[in-house]
Each structure stands twice: as structure tokens, then as C-alpha cells.
Amino acid sequence: MAAFEDRRLGDLAAQLRQDDPRFARALETGSPCRPREYRHGVAWLLLAVALGGFVLGIVVGHGLLIAGGLVLAGLAAHLFDPDRGRVRQGIARTSE
């Protein structure tokens, strides 16, 4: 491998360690771990609760339950965003 390719691989490894340290440690030790973009357990749970509240609000005919279900669905959708940590820190996404 050429020196510039080694440098690019080192840069990629450093970026990975900065973006998702848990995943980088798992790669180094050889134990499997999902990348941050695919860890959505809380988001799915919140989305299920939101859907349940929304459907219950429609069945019962209660506007507050419908509104609460929609708000919770919006919160769950925000949790599915893979770049929410970067947006919070003010780091722009670059496409190279």
C-alpha cells in the first residue's frame, strides 16, 4: 500500500473513533456491536407508544390523546436521525 493510502486509512480510523467510540472499540476487540446509526431501541419503543396513544385517541375520540400521540411520534422521528449529535454540536455534514 502506498503511503498516502495508509494516511487515508488512518484518517478514516481517527474519524470513526471520534464519531462512534463504542463501535470503534468493538472493532478493535473483535466483538460485534451495531454502529450508532442502527441503535434505535428507544426510538422504536417511543414510536410504538405514540402509535398506541394516537390509535386510542382516535377510537375514544379524545383530541388530547391524538395530539399527544402525534407529538411523541415527532420525538421518535427525531431519535431516528443519525446526525442528531452532529447537529447538536454544530458540525456540518460533509459529503466527500
C-alpha atoms as a PDB file:
ATOM      1  CA  MET A   1       0.000   0.000   0.000  1.00  0.00           C
ATOM      2  CA  ALA A   2       1.227   3.478  -0.773  1.00  0.00           C
ATOM      3  CA  ALA A   3       1.939   5.964   1.990  1.00  0.00           C
ATOM      4  CA  PHE A   4      -0.989   8.220   1.059  1.00  0.00           C
ATOM      5  CA  GLU A   5      -3.363   5.236   1.263  1.00  0.00           C
ATOM      6  CA  ASP A   6      -2.079   4.435   4.752  1.00  0.00           C
ATOM      7  CA  ARG A   7      -2.623   8.049   5.746  1.00  0.00           C
ATOM      8  CA  ARG A   8      -6.188   7.999   4.390  1.00  0.00           C
ATOM      9  CA  LEU A   9      -6.944   4.793   6.299  1.00  0.00           C
ATOM     10  CA  GLY A  10      -5.515   6.340   9.451  1.00  0.00           C
ATOM     11  CA  ASP A  11      -7.678   9.418   8.927  1.00  0.00           C
ATOM     12  CA  LEU A  12     -10.750   7.231   8.477  1.00  0.00           C
ATOM     13  CA  ALA A  13      -9.950   5.291  11.651  1.00  0.00           C
ATOM     14  CA  ALA A  14      -9.479   8.522  13.610  1.00  0.00           C
ATOM     15  CA  GLN A  15     -12.786   9.890  12.287  1.00  0.00           C
ATOM     16  CA  LEU A  16     -14.546   6.649  13.245  1.00  0.00           C
ATOM     17  CA  ARG A  17     -13.096   6.808  16.771  1.00  0.00           C
ATOM     18  CA  GLN A  18     -14.346  10.372  17.081  1.00  0.00           C
ATOM     19  CA  ASP A  19     -17.814   9.707  15.642  1.00  0.00           C
ATOM     20  CA  ASP A  20     -18.647   6.438  17.382  1.00  0.00           C
ATOM     21  CA  PRO A  21     -16.128   5.393  20.065  1.00  0.00           C
ATOM     22  CA  ARG A  22     -18.187   2.399  21.170  1.00  0.00           C
ATOM     23  CA  PHE A  23     -18.229   0.941  17.654  1.00  0.00           C
ATOM     24  CA  ALA A  24     -14.504   1.647  17.175  1.00  0.00           C
ATOM     25  CA  ARG A  25     -13.648  -0.174  20.432  1.00  0.00           C
ATOM     26  CA  ALA A  26     -15.801  -3.114  19.330  1.00  0.00           C
ATOM     27  CA  LEU A  27     -13.916  -3.306  16.033  1.00  0.00           C
ATOM     28  CA  GLU A  28     -10.569  -3.230  17.825  1.00  0.00           C
ATOM     29  CA  THR A  29     -11.517  -6.007  20.259  1.00  0.00           C
ATOM     30  CA  GLY A  30     -13.324  -8.108  17.655  1.00  0.00           C
ATOM     31  CA  SER A  31     -16.659  -8.147  19.496  1.00  0.00           C
ATOM     32  CA  PRO A  32     -19.670  -7.229  17.365  1.00  0.00           C
ATOM     33  CA  CYS A  33     -21.536  -4.011  18.052  1.00  0.00           C
ATOM     34  CA  ARG A  34     -24.020  -2.058  15.997  1.00  0.00           C
ATOM     35  CA  PRO A  35     -22.970   1.339  14.700  1.00  0.00           C
ATOM     36  CA  ARG A  36     -24.726   4.326  16.245  1.00  0.00           C
ATOM     37  CA  GLU A  37     -26.859   4.780  13.130  1.00  0.00           C
ATOM     38  CA  TYR A  38     -28.529   1.427  13.752  1.00  0.00           C
ATOM     39  CA  ARG A  39     -29.126   1.658  17.502  1.00  0.00           C
ATOM     40  CA  HIS A  40     -32.743   2.749  17.691  1.00  0.00           C
ATOM     41  CA  GLY A  41     -34.233   0.712  20.549  1.00  0.00           C
ATOM     42  CA  VAL A  42     -35.609   3.702  22.470  1.00  0.00           C
ATOM     43  CA  ALA A  43     -36.892   5.312  19.290  1.00  0.00           C
ATOM     44  CA  TRP A  44     -38.877   2.205  18.311  1.00  0.00           C
ATOM     45  CA  LEU A  45     -40.345   1.940  21.809  1.00  0.00           C
ATOM     46  CA  LEU A  46     -41.354   5.606  21.784  1.00  0.00           C
ATOM     47  CA  LEU A  47     -42.843   5.213  18.305  1.00  0.00           C
ATOM     48  CA  ALA A  48     -44.916   2.212  19.476  1.00  0.00           C
ATOM     49  CA  VAL A  49     -46.215   4.185  22.473  1.00  0.00           C
ATOM     50  CA  ALA A  50     -47.016   7.126  20.188  1.00  0.00           C
ATOM     51  CA  LEU A  51     -48.911   4.917  17.764  1.00  0.00           C
ATOM     52  CA  GLY A  52     -50.822   3.323  20.633  1.00  0.00           C
ATOM     53  CA  GLY A  53     -51.775   6.710  22.054  1.00  0.00           C
ATOM     54  CA  PHE A  54     -52.769   8.005  18.635  1.00  0.00           C
ATOM     55  CA  VAL A  55     -54.969   4.985  17.840  1.00  0.00           C
ATOM     56  CA  LEU A  56     -56.508   5.058  21.313  1.00  0.00           C
ATOM     57  CA  GLY A  57     -57.243   8.763  20.865  1.00  0.00           C
ATOM     58  CA  ILE A  58     -58.996   8.077  17.562  1.00  0.00           C
ATOM     59  CA  VAL A  59     -61.007   5.171  18.987  1.00  0.00           C
ATOM     60  CA  VAL A  60     -62.054   7.080  22.115  1.00  0.00           C
ATOM     61  CA  GLY A  61     -62.436  10.348  20.259  1.00  0.00           C
ATOM     62  CA  HIS A  62     -60.179  12.334  22.589  1.00  0.00           C
ATOM     63  CA  GLY A  63     -58.224  15.121  20.951  1.00  0.00           C
ATOM     64  CA  LEU A  64     -55.577  15.350  23.661  1.00  0.00           C
ATOM     65  CA  LEU A  65     -54.570  11.713  23.146  1.00  0.00           C
ATOM     66  CA  ILE A  66     -54.383  12.253  19.391  1.00  0.00           C
ATOM     67  CA  ALA A  67     -52.202  15.340  19.856  1.00  0.00           C
ATOM     68  CA  GLY A  68     -50.003  13.564  22.404  1.00  0.00           C
ATOM     69  CA  GLY A  69     -49.533  10.626  20.040  1.00  0.00           C
ATOM     70  CA  LEU A  70     -48.518  12.966  17.228  1.00  0.00           C
ATOM     71  CA  VAL A  71     -46.044  14.820  19.447  1.00  0.00           C
ATOM     72  CA  LEU A  72     -44.489  11.565  20.645  1.00  0.00           C
ATOM     73  CA  ALA A  73     -44.247  10.366  17.046  1.00  0.00           C
ATOM     74  CA  GLY A  74     -42.349  13.550  16.209  1.00  0.00           C
ATOM     75  CA  LEU A  75     -39.962  12.949  19.104  1.00  0.00           C
ATOM     76  CA  ALA A  76     -39.395   9.376  17.956  1.00  0.00           C
ATOM     77  CA  ALA A  77     -38.711  10.561  14.407  1.00  0.00           C
ATOM     78  CA  HIS A  78     -36.077  12.922  15.786  1.00  0.00           C
ATOM     79  CA  LEU A  79     -34.386   9.993  17.557  1.00  0.00           C
ATOM     80  CA  PHE A  80     -34.089   8.120  14.240  1.00  0.00           C
ATOM     81  CA  ASP A  81     -31.878  10.884  12.768  1.00  0.00           C
ATOM     82  CA  PRO A  82     -28.303   9.520  12.568  1.00  0.00           C
ATOM     83  CA  ASP A  83     -26.736  13.007  12.528  1.00  0.00           C
ATOM     84  CA  ARG A  84     -28.582  14.477  15.505  1.00  0.00           C
ATOM     85  CA  GLY A  85     -25.385  14.545  17.594  1.00  0.00           C
ATOM     86  CA  ARG A  86     -23.542  16.490  14.925  1.00  0.00           C
ATOM     87  CA  VAL A  87     -26.417  18.925  14.518  1.00  0.00           C
ATOM     88  CA  ARG A  88     -26.489  19.496  18.266  1.00  0.00           C
ATOM     89  CA  GLN A  89     -22.748  20.232  18.270  1.00  0.00           C
ATOM     90  CA  GLY A  90     -22.974  22.457  15.189  1.00  0.00           C
ATOM     91  CA  ILE A  91     -20.789  20.257  12.994  1.00  0.00           C
ATOM     92  CA  ALA A  92     -21.749  20.421   9.336  1.00  0.00           C
ATOM     93  CA  ARG A  93     -22.109  17.204   7.371  1.00  0.00           C
ATOM     94  CA  THR A  94     -19.593  16.879   4.571  1.00  0.00           C
ATOM     95  CA  SER A  95     -20.042  14.622   1.578  1.00  0.00           C
ATOM     96  CA  GLU A  96     -16.710  13.591   0.138  1.00  0.00           C
END
